[in-house]
ModelCIF file with pLDDT and N, C-alpha, C, O atoms, coordinates in Angstrom:
data_MODEL
#
_entry.id   MODEL 
#
_entity.id                         1 
_entity.type                       polymer 
_entity.pdbx_number_of_molecules   1 
#
_entity_poly.entity_id                      1 
_entity_poly.type                           'polypeptide(L)' 
_entity_poly.nstd_linkage                   no 
_entity_poly.nstd_monomer                   no 
_entity_poly.pdbx_seq_one_letter_code       ITSGHSINYADSVKGRFTISRDDAKNTVYL 
_entity_poly.pdbx_seq_one_letter_code_can   ITSGHSINYADSVKGRFTISRDDAKNTVYL 
_entity_poly.pdbx_strand_id                 A 
#
loop_
_entity_poly_seq.entity_id 
_entity_poly_seq.num 
_entity_poly_seq.mon_id 
_entity_poly_seq.hetero 
1 1  ILE n 
1 2  THR n 
1 3  SER n 
1 4  GLY n 
1 5  HIS n 
1 6  SER n 
1 7  ILE n 
1 8  ASN n 
1 9  TYR n 
1 10 ALA n 
1 11 ASP n 
1 12 SER n 
1 13 VAL n 
1 14 LYS n 
1 15 GLY n 
1 16 ARG n 
1 17 PHE n 
1 18 THR n 
1 19 ILE n 
1 20 SER n 
1 21 ARG n 
1 22 ASP n 
1 23 ASP n 
1 24 ALA n 
1 25 LYS n 
1 26 ASN n 
1 27 THR n 
1 28 VAL n 
1 29 TYR n 
1 30 LEU n 
#
_struct_asym.id          A 
_struct_asym.entity_id   1 
#
loop_
_ma_qa_metric.id 
_ma_qa_metric.mode 
_ma_qa_metric.name 
_ma_qa_metric.software_group_id 
_ma_qa_metric.type 
1 global pLDDT . pLDDT 
2 local  pLDDT . pLDDT 
#
_ma_qa_metric_global.metric_id      1 
_ma_qa_metric_global.metric_value   97.20 
_ma_qa_metric_global.model_id       1 
_ma_qa_metric_global.ordinal_id     1 
#
loop_
_ma_qa_metric_local.label_asym_id 
_ma_qa_metric_local.label_comp_id 
_ma_qa_metric_local.label_seq_id 
_ma_qa_metric_local.metric_id 
_ma_qa_metric_local.metric_value 
_ma_qa_metric_local.model_id 
_ma_qa_metric_local.ordinal_id 
A ILE 1  2 98.00 1 1  
A THR 2  2 97.00 1 2  
A SER 3  2 95.00 1 3  
A GLY 4  2 95.00 1 4  
A HIS 5  2 93.00 1 5  
A SER 6  2 97.00 1 6  
A ILE 7  2 98.00 1 7  
A ASN 8  2 97.00 1 8  
A TYR 9  2 98.00 1 9  
A ALA 10 2 98.00 1 10 
A ASP 11 2 98.00 1 11 
A SER 12 2 97.00 1 12 
A VAL 13 2 98.00 1 13 
A LYS 14 2 98.00 1 14 
A GLY 15 2 97.00 1 15 
A ARG 16 2 98.00 1 16 
A PHE 17 2 98.00 1 17 
A THR 18 2 98.00 1 18 
A ILE 19 2 98.00 1 19 
A SER 20 2 98.00 1 20 
A ARG 21 2 97.00 1 21 
A ASP 22 2 97.00 1 22 
A ASP 23 2 96.00 1 23 
A ALA 24 2 96.00 1 24 
A LYS 25 2 97.00 1 25 
A ASN 26 2 97.00 1 26 
A THR 27 2 98.00 1 27 
A VAL 28 2 98.00 1 28 
A TYR 29 2 98.00 1 29 
A LEU 30 2 98.00 1 30 
#
loop_
_atom_site.group_PDB 
_atom_site.id 
_atom_site.type_symbol 
_atom_site.label_atom_id 
_atom_site.label_alt_id 
_atom_site.label_comp_id 
_atom_site.label_asym_id 
_atom_site.label_entity_id 
_atom_site.label_seq_id 
_atom_site.pdbx_PDB_ins_code 
_atom_site.Cartn_x 
_atom_site.Cartn_y 
_atom_site.Cartn_z 
_atom_site.occupancy 
_atom_site.B_iso_or_equiv 
_atom_site.pdbx_formal_charge 
_atom_site.auth_seq_id 
_atom_site.auth_comp_id 
_atom_site.auth_asym_id 
_atom_site.auth_atom_id 
_atom_site.pdbx_PDB_model_num 
ATOM 1   N N  . ILE A 1 1  ? 0.855   -1.227  -0.031 1.00 98.00 ? 1  ILE A N  1 
ATOM 2   C CA . ILE A 1 1  ? 0.027   -0.045  0.081  1.00 98.00 ? 1  ILE A CA 1 
ATOM 3   C C  . ILE A 1 1  ? 0.855   1.210   0.021  1.00 98.00 ? 1  ILE A C  1 
ATOM 4   O O  . ILE A 1 1  ? 1.734   1.380   0.865  1.00 98.00 ? 1  ILE A O  1 
ATOM 5   N N  . THR A 1 2  ? 0.624   2.128   -0.948 1.00 97.00 ? 2  THR A N  1 
ATOM 6   C CA . THR A 1 2  ? 1.416   3.398   -0.959 1.00 97.00 ? 2  THR A CA 1 
ATOM 7   C C  . THR A 1 2  ? 0.943   4.462   -0.008 1.00 97.00 ? 2  THR A C  1 
ATOM 8   O O  . THR A 1 2  ? -0.083  4.315   0.656  1.00 97.00 ? 2  THR A O  1 
ATOM 9   N N  . SER A 1 3  ? 1.685   5.517   0.050  1.00 95.00 ? 3  SER A N  1 
ATOM 10  C CA . SER A 1 3  ? 1.279   6.658   0.931  1.00 95.00 ? 3  SER A CA 1 
ATOM 11  C C  . SER A 1 3  ? 0.019   7.235   0.441  1.00 95.00 ? 3  SER A C  1 
ATOM 12  O O  . SER A 1 3  ? -0.665  7.905   1.215  1.00 95.00 ? 3  SER A O  1 
ATOM 13  N N  . GLY A 1 4  ? -0.353  7.034   -0.790 1.00 95.00 ? 4  GLY A N  1 
ATOM 14  C CA . GLY A 1 4  ? -1.602  7.477   -1.293 1.00 95.00 ? 4  GLY A CA 1 
ATOM 15  C C  . GLY A 1 4  ? -2.718  6.385   -1.223 1.00 95.00 ? 4  GLY A C  1 
ATOM 16  O O  . GLY A 1 4  ? -3.812  6.530   -1.769 1.00 95.00 ? 4  GLY A O  1 
ATOM 17  N N  . HIS A 1 5  ? -2.382  5.364   -0.562 1.00 93.00 ? 5  HIS A N  1 
ATOM 18  C CA . HIS A 1 5  ? -3.264  4.266   -0.294 1.00 93.00 ? 5  HIS A CA 1 
ATOM 19  C C  . HIS A 1 5  ? -3.643  3.576   -1.572 1.00 93.00 ? 5  HIS A C  1 
ATOM 20  O O  . HIS A 1 5  ? -4.748  3.038   -1.641 1.00 93.00 ? 5  HIS A O  1 
ATOM 21  N N  . SER A 1 6  ? -2.825  3.549   -2.578 1.00 97.00 ? 6  SER A N  1 
ATOM 22  C CA . SER A 1 6  ? -2.986  2.623   -3.648 1.00 97.00 ? 6  SER A CA 1 
ATOM 23  C C  . SER A 1 6  ? -2.514  1.225   -3.238 1.00 97.00 ? 6  SER A C  1 
ATOM 24  O O  . SER A 1 6  ? -1.498  1.069   -2.561 1.00 97.00 ? 6  SER A O  1 
ATOM 25  N N  . ILE A 1 7  ? -3.248  0.251   -3.650 1.00 98.00 ? 7  ILE A N  1 
ATOM 26  C CA . ILE A 1 7  ? -3.018  -1.144  -3.091 1.00 98.00 ? 7  ILE A CA 1 
ATOM 27  C C  . ILE A 1 7  ? -2.768  -2.135  -4.280 1.00 98.00 ? 7  ILE A C  1 
ATOM 28  O O  . ILE A 1 7  ? -3.375  -2.082  -5.349 1.00 98.00 ? 7  ILE A O  1 
ATOM 29  N N  . ASN A 1 8  ? -1.797  -3.046  -3.957 1.00 97.00 ? 8  ASN A N  1 
ATOM 30  C CA . ASN A 1 8  ? -1.500  -4.141  -4.880 1.00 97.00 ? 8  ASN A CA 1 
ATOM 31  C C  . ASN A 1 8  ? -1.577  -5.448  -4.095 1.00 97.00 ? 8  ASN A C  1 
ATOM 32  O O  . ASN A 1 8  ? -1.119  -5.516  -2.955 1.00 97.00 ? 8  ASN A O  1 
ATOM 33  N N  . TYR A 1 9  ? -2.148  -6.470  -4.693 1.00 98.00 ? 9  TYR A N  1 
ATOM 34  C CA . TYR A 1 9  ? -2.202  -7.698  -4.020 1.00 98.00 ? 9  TYR A CA 1 
ATOM 35  C C  . TYR A 1 9  ? -1.622  -8.729  -4.973 1.00 98.00 ? 9  TYR A C  1 
ATOM 36  O O  . TYR A 1 9  ? -1.707  -8.582  -6.193 1.00 98.00 ? 9  TYR A O  1 
ATOM 37  N N  . ALA A 1 10 ? -1.019  -9.794  -4.394 1.00 98.00 ? 10 ALA A N  1 
ATOM 38  C CA . ALA A 1 10 ? -0.634  -11.069 -5.138 1.00 98.00 ? 10 ALA A CA 1 
ATOM 39  C C  . ALA A 1 10 ? -1.975  -11.718 -5.463 1.00 98.00 ? 10 ALA A C  1 
ATOM 40  O O  . ALA A 1 10 ? -2.949  -11.685 -4.711 1.00 98.00 ? 10 ALA A O  1 
ATOM 41  N N  . ASP A 1 11 ? -1.930  -12.338 -6.707 1.00 98.00 ? 11 ASP A N  1 
ATOM 42  C CA . ASP A 1 11 ? -3.169  -13.026 -7.185 1.00 98.00 ? 11 ASP A CA 1 
ATOM 43  C C  . ASP A 1 11 ? -3.696  -14.068 -6.096 1.00 98.00 ? 11 ASP A C  1 
ATOM 44  O O  . ASP A 1 11 ? -4.877  -14.209 -5.779 1.00 98.00 ? 11 ASP A O  1 
ATOM 45  N N  . SER A 1 12 ? -2.682  -14.726 -5.616 1.00 97.00 ? 12 SER A N  1 
ATOM 46  C CA . SER A 1 12 ? -3.052  -15.834 -4.662 1.00 97.00 ? 12 SER A CA 1 
ATOM 47  C C  . SER A 1 12 ? -3.938  -15.440 -3.491 1.00 97.00 ? 12 SER A C  1 
ATOM 48  O O  . SER A 1 12 ? -4.645  -16.268 -2.917 1.00 97.00 ? 12 SER A O  1 
ATOM 49  N N  . VAL A 1 13 ? -3.883  -14.081 -3.130 1.00 98.00 ? 13 VAL A N  1 
ATOM 50  C CA . VAL A 1 13 ? -4.436  -13.713 -1.869 1.00 98.00 ? 13 VAL A CA 1 
ATOM 51  C C  . VAL A 1 13 ? -5.698  -12.697 -2.105 1.00 98.00 ? 13 VAL A C  1 
ATOM 52  O O  . VAL A 1 13 ? -6.417  -12.320 -1.179 1.00 98.00 ? 13 VAL A O  1 
ATOM 53  N N  . LYS A 1 14 ? -5.869  -12.308 -3.464 1.00 98.00 ? 14 LYS A N  1 
ATOM 54  C CA . LYS A 1 14 ? -6.937  -11.463 -3.708 1.00 98.00 ? 14 LYS A CA 1 
ATOM 55  C C  . LYS A 1 14 ? -8.300  -11.925 -3.219 1.00 98.00 ? 14 LYS A C  1 
ATOM 56  O O  . LYS A 1 14 ? -8.680  -13.079 -3.417 1.00 98.00 ? 14 LYS A O  1 
ATOM 57  N N  . GLY A 1 15 ? -8.980  -11.086 -2.627 1.00 97.00 ? 15 GLY A N  1 
ATOM 58  C CA . GLY A 1 15 ? -10.429 -11.428 -2.109 1.00 97.00 ? 15 GLY A CA 1 
ATOM 59  C C  . GLY A 1 15 ? -10.377 -12.173 -0.750 1.00 97.00 ? 15 GLY A C  1 
ATOM 60  O O  . GLY A 1 15 ? -11.402 -12.448 -0.126 1.00 97.00 ? 15 GLY A O  1 
ATOM 61  N N  . ARG A 1 16 ? -9.115  -12.487 -0.322 1.00 98.00 ? 16 ARG A N  1 
ATOM 62  C CA . ARG A 1 16 ? -9.078  -13.088 1.080  1.00 98.00 ? 16 ARG A CA 1 
ATOM 63  C C  . ARG A 1 16 ? -8.236  -12.204 1.995  1.00 98.00 ? 16 ARG A C  1 
ATOM 64  O O  . ARG A 1 16 ? -8.541  -12.168 3.187  1.00 98.00 ? 16 ARG A O  1 
ATOM 65  N N  . PHE A 1 17 ? -7.228  -11.503 1.558  1.00 98.00 ? 17 PHE A N  1 
ATOM 66  C CA . PHE A 1 17 ? -6.429  -10.632 2.404  1.00 98.00 ? 17 PHE A CA 1 
ATOM 67  C C  . PHE A 1 17 ? -6.653  -9.207  2.117  1.00 98.00 ? 17 PHE A C  1 
ATOM 68  O O  . PHE A 1 17 ? -6.841  -8.798  0.972  1.00 98.00 ? 17 PHE A O  1 
ATOM 69  N N  . THR A 1 18 ? -6.630  -8.420  3.199  1.00 98.00 ? 18 THR A N  1 
ATOM 70  C CA . THR A 1 18 ? -6.790  -6.953  3.091  1.00 98.00 ? 18 THR A CA 1 
ATOM 71  C C  . THR A 1 18 ? -5.687  -6.258  3.768  1.00 98.00 ? 18 THR A C  1 
ATOM 72  O O  . THR A 1 18 ? -5.447  -6.475  4.955  1.00 98.00 ? 18 THR A O  1 
ATOM 73  N N  . ILE A 1 19 ? -4.963  -5.378  3.014  1.00 98.00 ? 19 ILE A N  1 
ATOM 74  C CA . ILE A 1 19 ? -3.977  -4.551  3.662  1.00 98.00 ? 19 ILE A CA 1 
ATOM 75  C C  . ILE A 1 19 ? -4.557  -3.096  3.985  1.00 98.00 ? 19 ILE A C  1 
ATOM 76  O O  . ILE A 1 19 ? -5.411  -2.565  3.274  1.00 98.00 ? 19 ILE A O  1 
ATOM 77  N N  . SER A 1 20 ? -4.061  -2.559  5.019  1.00 98.00 ? 20 SER A N  1 
ATOM 78  C CA . SER A 1 20 ? -4.477  -1.224  5.405  1.00 98.00 ? 20 SER A CA 1 
ATOM 79  C C  . SER A 1 20 ? -3.401  -0.558  6.212  1.00 98.00 ? 20 SER A C  1 
ATOM 80  O O  . SER A 1 20 ? -2.492  -1.214  6.720  1.00 98.00 ? 20 SER A O  1 
ATOM 81  N N  . ARG A 1 21 ? -3.500  0.701   6.326  1.00 97.00 ? 21 ARG A N  1 
ATOM 82  C CA . ARG A 1 21 ? -2.429  1.463   7.104  1.00 97.00 ? 21 ARG A CA 1 
ATOM 83  C C  . ARG A 1 21 ? -3.023  2.557   7.946  1.00 97.00 ? 21 ARG A C  1 
ATOM 84  O O  . ARG A 1 21 ? -4.028  3.160   7.571  1.00 97.00 ? 21 ARG A O  1 
ATOM 85  N N  . ASP A 1 22 ? -2.410  2.820   9.084  1.00 97.00 ? 22 ASP A N  1 
ATOM 86  C CA . ASP A 1 22 ? -2.832  3.961   9.982  1.00 97.00 ? 22 ASP A CA 1 
ATOM 87  C C  . ASP A 1 22 ? -1.663  4.839   9.986  1.00 97.00 ? 22 ASP A C  1 
ATOM 88  O O  . ASP A 1 22 ? -0.688  4.593   10.697 1.00 97.00 ? 22 ASP A O  1 
ATOM 89  N N  . ASP A 1 23 ? -1.730  5.871   9.205  1.00 96.00 ? 23 ASP A N  1 
ATOM 90  C CA . ASP A 1 23 ? -0.618  6.840   9.183  1.00 96.00 ? 23 ASP A CA 1 
ATOM 91  C C  . ASP A 1 23 ? -0.290  7.506   10.522 1.00 96.00 ? 23 ASP A C  1 
ATOM 92  O O  . ASP A 1 23 ? 0.871   7.770   10.835 1.00 96.00 ? 23 ASP A O  1 
ATOM 93  N N  . ALA A 1 24 ? -1.230  7.743   11.221 1.00 96.00 ? 24 ALA A N  1 
ATOM 94  C CA . ALA A 1 24 ? -1.131  8.386   12.591 1.00 96.00 ? 24 ALA A CA 1 
ATOM 95  C C  . ALA A 1 24 ? -0.206  7.513   13.545 1.00 96.00 ? 24 ALA A C  1 
ATOM 96  O O  . ALA A 1 24 ? 0.594   7.996   14.347 1.00 96.00 ? 24 ALA A O  1 
ATOM 97  N N  . LYS A 1 25 ? -0.417  6.253   13.357 1.00 97.00 ? 25 LYS A N  1 
ATOM 98  C CA . LYS A 1 25 ? 0.290   5.227   14.169 1.00 97.00 ? 25 LYS A CA 1 
ATOM 99  C C  . LYS A 1 25 ? 1.502   4.655   13.463 1.00 97.00 ? 25 LYS A C  1 
ATOM 100 O O  . LYS A 1 25 ? 2.199   3.827   14.049 1.00 97.00 ? 25 LYS A O  1 
ATOM 101 N N  . ASN A 1 26 ? 1.784   5.047   12.254 1.00 97.00 ? 26 ASN A N  1 
ATOM 102 C CA . ASN A 1 26 ? 2.998   4.462   11.345 1.00 97.00 ? 26 ASN A CA 1 
ATOM 103 C C  . ASN A 1 26 ? 2.783   2.922   11.397 1.00 97.00 ? 26 ASN A C  1 
ATOM 104 O O  . ASN A 1 26 ? 3.732   2.180   11.654 1.00 97.00 ? 26 ASN A O  1 
ATOM 105 N N  . THR A 1 27 ? 1.596   2.467   11.164 1.00 98.00 ? 27 THR A N  1 
ATOM 106 C CA . THR A 1 27 ? 1.398   1.007   11.282 1.00 98.00 ? 27 THR A CA 1 
ATOM 107 C C  . THR A 1 27 ? 0.714   0.483   10.077 1.00 98.00 ? 27 THR A C  1 
ATOM 108 O O  . THR A 1 27 ? -0.197  1.143   9.578  1.00 98.00 ? 27 THR A O  1 
ATOM 109 N N  . VAL A 1 28 ? 1.093   -0.693  9.551  1.00 98.00 ? 28 VAL A N  1 
ATOM 110 C CA . VAL A 1 28 ? 0.391   -1.343  8.500  1.00 98.00 ? 28 VAL A CA 1 
ATOM 111 C C  . VAL A 1 28 ? -0.099  -2.671  9.001  1.00 98.00 ? 28 VAL A C  1 
ATOM 112 O O  . VAL A 1 28 ? 0.499   -3.325  9.856  1.00 98.00 ? 28 VAL A O  1 
ATOM 113 N N  . TYR A 1 29 ? -1.238  -3.039  8.411  1.00 98.00 ? 29 TYR A N  1 
ATOM 114 C CA . TYR A 1 29 ? -2.015  -4.229  8.899  1.00 98.00 ? 29 TYR A CA 1 
ATOM 115 C C  . TYR A 1 29 ? -2.221  -5.161  7.684  1.00 98.00 ? 29 TYR A C  1 
ATOM 116 O O  . TYR A 1 29 ? -2.263  -4.736  6.529  1.00 98.00 ? 29 TYR A O  1 
ATOM 117 N N  . LEU A 1 30 ? -2.336  -6.349  7.995  1.00 98.00 ? 30 LEU A N  1 
ATOM 118 C CA . LEU A 1 30 ? -2.786  -7.347  7.030  1.00 98.00 ? 30 LEU A CA 1 
ATOM 119 C C  . LEU A 1 30 ? -3.720  -8.251  7.628  1.00 98.00 ? 30 LEU A C  1 
ATOM 120 O O  . LEU A 1 30 ? -4.208  -9.164  6.962  1.00 98.00 ? 30 LEU A O  1 
#
């Protein structure tokens, strides 16, 4: 996930995994 919140997934995880980020906490989640 970019700083502009553009997202890219591997084909094998699309629809099952979700990436997100909390910029206030400098944290990324999966």
